[in-house]
Amino acid sequence: MNLETYFLSSLDNTRFTQTRECTFEKRLRFNTGKDCALVKLVPPVVGQDFGLPADIDLFVIAARHQGQELFPITTFPCSVHIARPLIEDIGVREVITKEDLEVIAWGDLYKTRFDADHADSHSYASGSRAPVEFTVRPPRFLGEQDGVPERQLKEKLVRMFDLVPWVTTAYLARVRYGDSKLASVALCVVGQPGQNRVFAEQIAGIFASIFGSHEHMDIIWITPEQDQELASLCRPFFSSR
């Protein structure tokens, strides 16, 4: 029995730039207890991109930010992880694990197609397999994210950044996107954007070793103007300049 229908698009991933109808097919939960949803997307996603002969219309989504829920969604847009099922019996499962999925994108759920089609946007370069320009809502910088575990994270990242040539300055900051009232923690980096997935995976591994794999941290390659703005609110924890 279908639960709700919303509209999904992404300002972070070109594969999901097109607005898609997103129908909730089933409520699921991870073995950690977190809720997620099996959804059907129309139009489907090209399967050839994943080495599959048929296009993909069934995905699993989960709320990205702490405090957000899918059942019910109370604030729009609702930021979500978009994952491709790796198991064939996803439709009969009640409980799944992260190993059953491949997270392939971040996206946003909107209440109407109009809202999804007309989301406010801003362009800047972000990290991926190769230099790619993504369209995202402008971040609003709130200040430094600091504490005992955050300092451990910064120490490990400093050791990593000392070994790579493309990071010149890095901040750990609290940010908000667009009109969202929810704050996220972001690693804000000055340098050469467009590094490959290995770079992001290395950072994710360091982050997970301290905070656990159930948490997440955004990575933002910031412009010189954003660097100046952020420097007035937050001390960089790394600088090669």
C-alpha atoms as a PDB file:
ATOM      1  CA  MET A   1       0.000   0.000   0.000  1.00  0.00           C
ATOM      2  CA  ASN A   2       1.457   3.325  -1.037  1.00  0.00           C
ATOM      3  CA  LEU A   3       2.024   5.789   1.790  1.00  0.00           C
ATOM      4  CA  GLU A   4       2.833   9.197   0.258  1.00  0.00           C
ATOM      5  CA  THR A   5       4.025  10.731  -2.986  1.00  0.00           C
ATOM      6  CA  TYR A   6       6.552  13.561  -3.033  1.00  0.00           C
ATOM      7  CA  PHE A   7       8.999  14.942  -5.596  1.00  0.00           C
ATOM      8  CA  LEU A   8      12.715  14.224  -5.540  1.00  0.00           C
ATOM      9  CA  SER A   9      15.543  16.195  -7.093  1.00  0.00           C
ATOM     10  CA  SER A  10      19.160  16.938  -6.281  1.00  0.00           C
ATOM     11  CA  LEU A  11      21.202  20.092  -6.417  1.00  0.00           C
ATOM     12  CA  ASP A  12      24.318  18.054  -5.608  1.00  0.00           C
ATOM     13  CA  ASN A  13      24.237  15.254  -8.186  1.00  0.00           C
ATOM     14  CA  THR A  14      23.675  15.581 -11.928  1.00  0.00           C
ATOM     15  CA  ARG A  15      22.068  12.120 -12.160  1.00  0.00           C
ATOM     16  CA  PHE A  16      19.171  13.351 -10.026  1.00  0.00           C
ATOM     17  CA  THR A  17      18.902  16.927 -11.273  1.00  0.00           C
ATOM     18  CA  GLN A  18      15.687  16.030 -13.095  1.00  0.00           C
ATOM     19  CA  THR A  19      12.619  16.148 -10.848  1.00  0.00           C
ATOM     20  CA  ARG A  20      11.171  12.687 -10.255  1.00  0.00           C
ATOM     21  CA  GLU A  21       7.902  11.576  -8.722  1.00  0.00           C
ATOM     22  CA  CYS A  22       8.820   9.688  -5.546  1.00  0.00           C
ATOM     23  CA  THR A  23       6.190   7.310  -4.191  1.00  0.00           C
ATOM     24  CA  PHE A  24       6.727   5.694  -0.799  1.00  0.00           C
ATOM     25  CA  GLU A  25       6.159   1.963  -1.279  1.00  0.00           C
ATOM     26  CA  LYS A  26       7.131   0.633   2.133  1.00  0.00           C
ATOM     27  CA  ARG A  27       8.452   1.717   5.487  1.00  0.00           C
ATOM     28  CA  LEU A  28      11.741  -0.002   6.372  1.00  0.00           C
ATOM     29  CA  ARG A  29      14.260   0.334   9.140  1.00  0.00           C
ATOM     30  CA  PHE A  30      17.962  -0.284   9.505  1.00  0.00           C
ATOM     31  CA  ASN A  31      19.246  -2.790  12.031  1.00  0.00           C
ATOM     32  CA  THR A  32      20.378   0.280  13.997  1.00  0.00           C
ATOM     33  CA  GLY A  33      16.730   1.280  14.428  1.00  0.00           C
ATOM     34  CA  LYS A  34      16.757   4.232  12.026  1.00  0.00           C
ATOM     35  CA  ASP A  35      13.769   4.534   9.683  1.00  0.00           C
ATOM     36  CA  CYS A  36      14.121   4.509   5.918  1.00  0.00           C
ATOM     37  CA  ALA A  37      11.743   4.070   2.993  1.00  0.00           C
ATOM     38  CA  LEU A  38      11.544   1.949  -0.127  1.00  0.00           C
ATOM     39  CA  VAL A  39      10.445   4.325  -2.888  1.00  0.00           C
ATOM     40  CA  LYS A  40       9.565   4.135  -6.562  1.00  0.00           C
ATOM     41  CA  LEU A  41      10.917   6.862  -8.839  1.00  0.00           C
ATOM     42  CA  VAL A  42       9.280   8.004 -12.077  1.00  0.00           C
ATOM     43  CA  PRO A  43      11.029   8.323 -14.457  1.00  0.00           C
ATOM     44  CA  PRO A  44      13.505   5.576 -13.489  1.00  0.00           C
ATOM     45  CA  VAL A  45      17.306   5.947 -13.387  1.00  0.00           C
ATOM     46  CA  VAL A  46      19.409   4.590 -16.244  1.00  0.00           C
ATOM     47  CA  GLY A  47      20.620   1.141 -15.220  1.00  0.00           C
ATOM     48  CA  GLN A  48      23.583   1.123 -17.622  1.00  0.00           C
ATOM     49  CA  ASP A  49      25.359   3.572 -15.303  1.00  0.00           C
ATOM     50  CA  PHE A  50      25.556   0.716 -12.789  1.00  0.00           C
ATOM     51  CA  GLY A  51      26.224  -2.098 -15.231  1.00  0.00           C
ATOM     52  CA  LEU A  52      22.591  -3.244 -15.213  1.00  0.00           C
ATOM     53  CA  PRO A  53      20.556  -4.168 -18.308  1.00  0.00           C
ATOM     54  CA  ALA A  54      17.332  -2.584 -17.038  1.00  0.00           C
ATOM     55  CA  ASP A  55      16.601   0.856 -15.638  1.00  0.00           C
ATOM     56  CA  ILE A  56      16.169   1.216 -11.855  1.00  0.00           C
ATOM     57  CA  ASP A  57      12.979   2.533 -10.276  1.00  0.00           C
ATOM     58  CA  LEU A  58      13.190   1.184  -6.709  1.00  0.00           C
ATOM     59  CA  PHE A  59      15.480   2.980  -4.268  1.00  0.00           C
ATOM     60  CA  VAL A  60      15.879   3.342  -0.525  1.00  0.00           C
ATOM     61  CA  ILE A  61      15.991   6.812   1.000  1.00  0.00           C
ATOM     62  CA  ALA A  62      16.865   7.897   4.537  1.00  0.00           C
ATOM     63  CA  ALA A  63      16.876  11.313   6.192  1.00  0.00           C
ATOM     64  CA  ARG A  64      20.317  12.958   6.106  1.00  0.00           C
ATOM     65  CA  HIS A  65      20.098  15.383   8.997  1.00  0.00           C
ATOM     66  CA  GLN A  66      19.635  14.742  12.674  1.00  0.00           C
ATOM     67  CA  GLY A  67      16.116  15.718  13.730  1.00  0.00           C
ATOM     68  CA  GLN A  68      14.567  15.040  10.330  1.00  0.00           C
ATOM     69  CA  GLU A  69      12.051  12.210   9.936  1.00  0.00           C
ATOM     70  CA  LEU A  70      10.378  10.514   6.965  1.00  0.00           C
ATOM     71  CA  PHE A  71       7.335   9.325   8.924  1.00  0.00           C
ATOM     72  CA  PRO A  72       5.977  11.925   8.828  1.00  0.00           C
ATOM     73  CA  ILE A  73       7.933  14.601   6.959  1.00  0.00           C
ATOM     74  CA  THR A  74       7.253  17.843   8.776  1.00  0.00           C
ATOM     75  CA  THR A  75       9.714  20.194   7.058  1.00  0.00           C
ATOM     76  CA  PHE A  76      10.382  20.652   3.342  1.00  0.00           C
ATOM     77  CA  PRO A  77      12.688  20.268   1.595  1.00  0.00           C
ATOM     78  CA  CYS A  78      13.733  17.101   3.397  1.00  0.00           C
ATOM     79  CA  SER A  79      17.345  16.170   2.679  1.00  0.00           C
ATOM     80  CA  VAL A  80      17.862  12.453   2.058  1.00  0.00           C
ATOM     81  CA  HIS A  81      20.452   9.851   1.182  1.00  0.00           C
ATOM     82  CA  ILE A  82      19.530   8.010  -2.034  1.00  0.00           C
ATOM     83  CA  ALA A  83      20.649   4.382  -2.125  1.00  0.00           C
ATOM     84  CA  ARG A  84      20.474   1.594  -4.687  1.00  0.00           C
ATOM     85  CA  PRO A  85      19.386  -1.781  -3.264  1.00  0.00           C
ATOM     86  CA  LEU A  86      21.969  -4.527  -3.688  1.00  0.00           C
ATOM     87  CA  ILE A  87      19.572  -7.305  -2.670  1.00  0.00           C
ATOM     88  CA  GLU A  88      16.762  -8.711  -4.784  1.00  0.00           C
ATOM     89  CA  ASP A  89      14.250  -9.264  -1.971  1.00  0.00           C
ATOM     90  CA  ILE A  90      14.195  -5.666  -0.736  1.00  0.00           C
ATOM     91  CA  GLY A  91      10.403  -5.595  -1.260  1.00  0.00           C
ATOM     92  CA  VAL A  92       9.747  -8.266   1.365  1.00  0.00           C
ATOM     93  CA  ARG A  93      12.279  -7.106   3.942  1.00  0.00           C
ATOM     94  CA  GLU A  94      11.318  -5.252   7.095  1.00  0.00           C
ATOM     95  CA  VAL A  95      14.853  -4.686   8.397  1.00  0.00           C
ATOM     96  CA  ILE A  96      17.941  -3.980   6.275  1.00  0.00           C
ATOM     97  CA  THR A  97      21.610  -3.210   6.857  1.00  0.00           C
ATOM     98  CA  LYS A  98      23.908  -0.679   5.242  1.00  0.00           C
ATOM     99  CA  GLU A  99      25.600  -3.577   3.418  1.00  0.00           C
ATOM    100  CA  ASP A 100      22.323  -4.152   1.540  1.00  0.00           C
ATOM    101  CA  LEU A 101      22.639  -0.744  -0.150  1.00  0.00           C
ATOM    102  CA  GLU A 102      24.937   1.469  -2.178  1.00  0.00           C
ATOM    103  CA  VAL A 103      24.487   5.160  -1.422  1.00  0.00           C
ATOM    104  CA  ILE A 104      24.741   6.910  -4.777  1.00  0.00           C
ATOM    105  CA  ALA A 105      23.570  10.493  -4.148  1.00  0.00           C
ATOM    106  CA  TRP A 106      22.110  13.091  -1.854  1.00  0.00           C
ATOM    107  CA  GLY A 107      18.776  14.617  -2.738  1.00  0.00           C
ATOM    108  CA  ASP A 108      15.844  16.626  -1.448  1.00  0.00           C
ATOM    109  CA  LEU A 109      12.179  15.728  -1.164  1.00  0.00           C
ATOM    110  CA  TYR A 110       9.683  18.461  -1.988  1.00  0.00           C
ATOM    111  CA  LYS A 111       5.957  18.565  -1.377  1.00  0.00           C
ATOM    112  CA  THR A 112       5.117  19.704  -4.913  1.00  0.00           C
ATOM    113  CA  ARG A 113       6.690  19.356  -8.345  1.00  0.00           C
ATOM    114  CA  PHE A 114       6.754  23.145  -8.658  1.00  0.00           C
ATOM    115  CA  ASP A 115       8.893  23.461  -5.513  1.00  0.00           C
ATOM    116  CA  ALA A 116      11.308  20.810  -6.804  1.00  0.00           C
ATOM    117  CA  ASP A 117      11.567  22.461 -10.212  1.00  0.00           C
ATOM    118  CA  HIS A 118      12.165  25.937  -8.788  1.00  0.00           C
ATOM    119  CA  ALA A 119      14.510  25.311  -5.871  1.00  0.00           C
ATOM    120  CA  ASP A 120      16.846  28.243  -5.257  1.00  0.00           C
ATOM    121  CA  SER A 121      20.308  27.419  -6.492  1.00  0.00           C
ATOM    122  CA  HIS A 122      23.888  28.555  -6.619  1.00  0.00           C
ATOM    123  CA  SER A 123      26.783  26.999  -8.504  1.00  0.00           C
ATOM    124  CA  TYR A 124      30.173  26.073  -7.199  1.00  0.00           C
ATOM    125  CA  ALA A 125      32.677  23.286  -7.763  1.00  0.00           C
ATOM    126  CA  SER A 126      32.650  20.320  -5.447  1.00  0.00           C
ATOM    127  CA  GLY A 127      34.651  17.123  -5.066  1.00  0.00           C
ATOM    128  CA  SER A 128      33.836  14.115  -7.235  1.00  0.00           C
ATOM    129  CA  ARG A 129      35.605  11.670  -9.553  1.00  0.00           C
ATOM    130  CA  ALA A 130      36.681  14.592 -11.743  1.00  0.00           C
ATOM    131  CA  PRO A 131      36.161  18.380 -11.652  1.00  0.00           C
ATOM    132  CA  VAL A 132      32.395  18.832 -11.927  1.00  0.00           C
ATOM    133  CA  GLU A 133      30.241  21.891 -11.277  1.00  0.00           C
ATOM    134  CA  PHE A 134      27.322  21.112  -8.994  1.00  0.00           C
ATOM    135  CA  THR A 135      24.355  23.354  -8.253  1.00  0.00           C
ATOM    136  CA  VAL A 136      23.588  23.714  -4.559  1.00  0.00           C
ATOM    137  CA  ARG A 137      21.716  26.004  -2.220  1.00  0.00           C
ATOM    138  CA  PRO A 138      24.139  28.574  -0.766  1.00  0.00           C
ATOM    139  CA  PRO A 139      25.446  27.592   2.667  1.00  0.00           C
ATOM    140  CA  ARG A 140      25.035  30.024   5.543  1.00  0.00           C
ATOM    141  CA  PHE A 141      27.975  29.834   7.919  1.00  0.00           C
ATOM    142  CA  LEU A 142      27.036  29.901  11.608  1.00  0.00           C
ATOM    143  CA  GLY A 143      30.368  29.445  13.357  1.00  0.00           C
ATOM    144  CA  GLU A 144      32.981  26.939  14.414  1.00  0.00           C
ATOM    145  CA  GLN A 145      32.101  23.371  15.399  1.00  0.00           C
ATOM    146  CA  ASP A 146      34.343  22.468  18.297  1.00  0.00           C
ATOM    147  CA  GLY A 147      34.583  20.022  21.181  1.00  0.00           C
ATOM    148  CA  VAL A 148      36.721  17.115  22.337  1.00  0.00           C
ATOM    149  CA  PRO A 149      35.801  14.689  19.501  1.00  0.00           C
ATOM    150  CA  GLU A 150      35.944  17.531  16.966  1.00  0.00           C
ATOM    151  CA  ARG A 151      39.522  18.299  18.022  1.00  0.00           C
ATOM    152  CA  GLN A 152      40.419  14.642  17.540  1.00  0.00           C
ATOM    153  CA  LEU A 153      38.919  14.835  14.052  1.00  0.00           C
ATOM    154  CA  LYS A 154      40.852  18.005  13.247  1.00  0.00           C
ATOM    155  CA  GLU A 155      44.139  16.460  14.393  1.00  0.00           C
ATOM    156  CA  LYS A 156      43.644  13.469  12.111  1.00  0.00           C
ATOM    157  CA  LEU A 157      42.613  15.650   9.173  1.00  0.00           C
ATOM    158  CA  VAL A 158      45.668  17.883   9.636  1.00  0.00           C
ATOM    159  CA  ARG A 159      47.908  14.838   9.294  1.00  0.00           C
ATOM    160  CA  MET A 160      46.071  13.893   6.107  1.00  0.00           C
ATOM    161  CA  PHE A 161      46.115  17.407   4.610  1.00  0.00           C
ATOM    162  CA  ASP A 162      49.853  17.692   5.257  1.00  0.00           C
ATOM    163  CA  LEU A 163      50.261  14.912   2.679  1.00  0.00           C
ATOM    164  CA  VAL A 164      48.028  16.293  -0.094  1.00  0.00           C
ATOM    165  CA  PRO A 165      48.817  19.331  -2.243  1.00  0.00           C
ATOM    166  CA  TRP A 166      45.301  20.508  -3.080  1.00  0.00           C
ATOM    167  CA  VAL A 167      44.080  21.632   0.366  1.00  0.00           C
ATOM    168  CA  THR A 168      45.330  25.044   1.494  1.00  0.00           C
ATOM    169  CA  THR A 169      42.854  25.916   4.271  1.00  0.00           C
ATOM    170  CA  ALA A 170      40.215  23.949   6.147  1.00  0.00           C
ATOM    171  CA  TYR A 171      37.477  24.840   8.636  1.00  0.00           C
ATOM    172  CA  LEU A 172      35.047  22.707  10.624  1.00  0.00           C
ATOM    173  CA  ALA A 173      31.884  24.761  10.706  1.00  0.00           C
ATOM    174  CA  ARG A 174      28.168  24.691  11.403  1.00  0.00           C
ATOM    175  CA  VAL A 175      26.164  25.586   8.297  1.00  0.00           C
ATOM    176  CA  ARG A 176      22.599  25.882   7.068  1.00  0.00           C
ATOM    177  CA  TYR A 177      21.465  25.502   3.465  1.00  0.00           C
ATOM    178  CA  GLY A 178      18.932  27.816   1.861  1.00  0.00           C
ATOM    179  CA  ASP A 179      15.912  28.385   4.111  1.00  0.00           C
ATOM    180  CA  SER A 180      16.434  25.239   6.175  1.00  0.00           C
ATOM    181  CA  LYS A 181      16.279  25.696   9.946  1.00  0.00           C
ATOM    182  CA  LEU A 182      18.442  22.617  10.506  1.00  0.00           C
ATOM    183  CA  ALA A 183      22.168  23.032  11.038  1.00  0.00           C
ATOM    184  CA  SER A 184      24.754  20.625   9.637  1.00  0.00           C
ATOM    185  CA  VAL A 185      28.440  20.146  10.323  1.00  0.00           C
ATOM    186  CA  ALA A 186      30.601  20.748   7.273  1.00  0.00           C
ATOM    187  CA  LEU A 187      34.271  20.454   6.441  1.00  0.00           C
ATOM    188  CA  CYS A 188      34.848  23.657   4.474  1.00  0.00           C
ATOM    189  CA  VAL A 189      37.925  23.433   2.270  1.00  0.00           C
ATOM    190  CA  VAL A 190      39.898  25.991   0.287  1.00  0.00           C
ATOM    191  CA  GLY A 191      41.982  24.526  -2.514  1.00  0.00           C
ATOM    192  CA  GLN A 192      41.560  22.752  -5.806  1.00  0.00           C
ATOM    193  CA  PRO A 193      38.042  21.236  -6.011  1.00  0.00           C
ATOM    194  CA  GLY A 194      37.193  18.251  -8.132  1.00  0.00           C
ATOM    195  CA  GLN A 195      39.243  15.619  -6.310  1.00  0.00           C
ATOM    196  CA  ASN A 196      38.112  12.047  -6.774  1.00  0.00           C
ATOM    197  CA  ARG A 197      35.978   9.805  -4.590  1.00  0.00           C
ATOM    198  CA  VAL A 198      39.037   8.350  -2.854  1.00  0.00           C
ATOM    199  CA  PHE A 199      39.680  11.723  -1.199  1.00  0.00           C
ATOM    200  CA  ALA A 200      36.084  11.903   0.083  1.00  0.00           C
ATOM    201  CA  GLU A 201      36.221   8.287   1.229  1.00  0.00           C
ATOM    202  CA  GLN A 202      39.425   8.938   3.186  1.00  0.00           C
ATOM    203  CA  ILE A 203      37.767  11.836   4.998  1.00  0.00           C
ATOM    204  CA  ALA A 204      34.630   9.768   5.600  1.00  0.00           C
ATOM    205  CA  GLY A 205      36.744   6.979   7.064  1.00  0.00           C
ATOM    206  CA  ILE A 206      38.473   9.355   9.475  1.00  0.00           C
ATOM    207  CA  PHE A 207      35.127  10.884  10.474  1.00  0.00           C
ATOM    208  CA  ALA A 208      33.496   7.472  11.026  1.00  0.00           C
ATOM    209  CA  SER A 209      36.399   6.299  13.193  1.00  0.00           C
ATOM    210  CA  ILE A 210      35.463   8.988  15.710  1.00  0.00           C
ATOM    211  CA  PHE A 211      31.720   9.587  15.309  1.00  0.00           C
ATOM    212  CA  GLY A 212      30.546   6.267  13.843  1.00  0.00           C
ATOM    213  CA  SER A 213      29.221   5.389  10.396  1.00  0.00           C
ATOM    214  CA  HIS A 214      25.668   6.455  11.299  1.00  0.00           C
ATOM    215  CA  GLU A 215      26.698  10.124  11.333  1.00  0.00           C
ATOM    216  CA  HIS A 216      27.704  12.213   8.334  1.00  0.00           C
ATOM    217  CA  MET A 217      29.652  15.352   7.510  1.00  0.00           C
ATOM    218  CA  ASP A 218      29.309  17.506   4.436  1.00  0.00           C
ATOM    219  CA  ILE A 219      32.389  18.547   2.439  1.00  0.00           C
ATOM    220  CA  ILE A 220      32.226  21.984   0.819  1.00  0.00           C
ATOM    221  CA  TRP A 221      34.874  23.451  -1.471  1.00  0.00           C
ATOM    222  CA  ILE A 222      34.456  27.150  -0.709  1.00  0.00           C
ATOM    223  CA  THR A 223      35.165  30.213  -2.841  1.00  0.00           C
ATOM    224  CA  PRO A 224      37.595  32.998  -1.831  1.00  0.00           C
ATOM    225  CA  GLU A 225      34.603  35.160  -0.862  1.00  0.00           C
ATOM    226  CA  GLN A 226      33.215  32.392   1.328  1.00  0.00           C
ATOM    227  CA  ASP A 227      36.683  31.918   2.816  1.00  0.00           C
ATOM    228  CA  GLN A 228      36.716  35.569   3.907  1.00  0.00           C
ATOM    229  CA  GLU A 229      33.219  35.290   5.357  1.00  0.00           C
ATOM    230  CA  LEU A 230      34.021  32.097   7.219  1.00  0.00           C
ATOM    231  CA  ALA A 231      37.323  33.443   8.555  1.00  0.00           C
ATOM    232  CA  SER A 232      35.380  36.194  10.336  1.00  0.00           C
ATOM    233  CA  LEU A 233      33.300  33.556  12.171  1.00  0.00           C
ATOM    234  CA  CYS A 234      35.579  30.581  12.545  1.00  0.00           C
ATOM    235  CA  ARG A 235      39.275  29.821  12.966  1.00  0.00           C
ATOM    236  CA  PRO A 236      40.780  27.506  10.341  1.00  0.00           C
ATOM    237  CA  PHE A 237      42.179  24.359  11.889  1.00  0.00           C
ATOM    238  CA  PHE A 238      44.521  23.838   8.925  1.00  0.00           C
ATOM    239  CA  SER A 239      46.433  26.277   6.734  1.00  0.00           C
ATOM    240  CA  SER A 240      49.353  25.662   4.418  1.00  0.00           C
ATOM    241  CA  ARG A 241      49.598  29.327   3.470  1.00  0.00           C
END
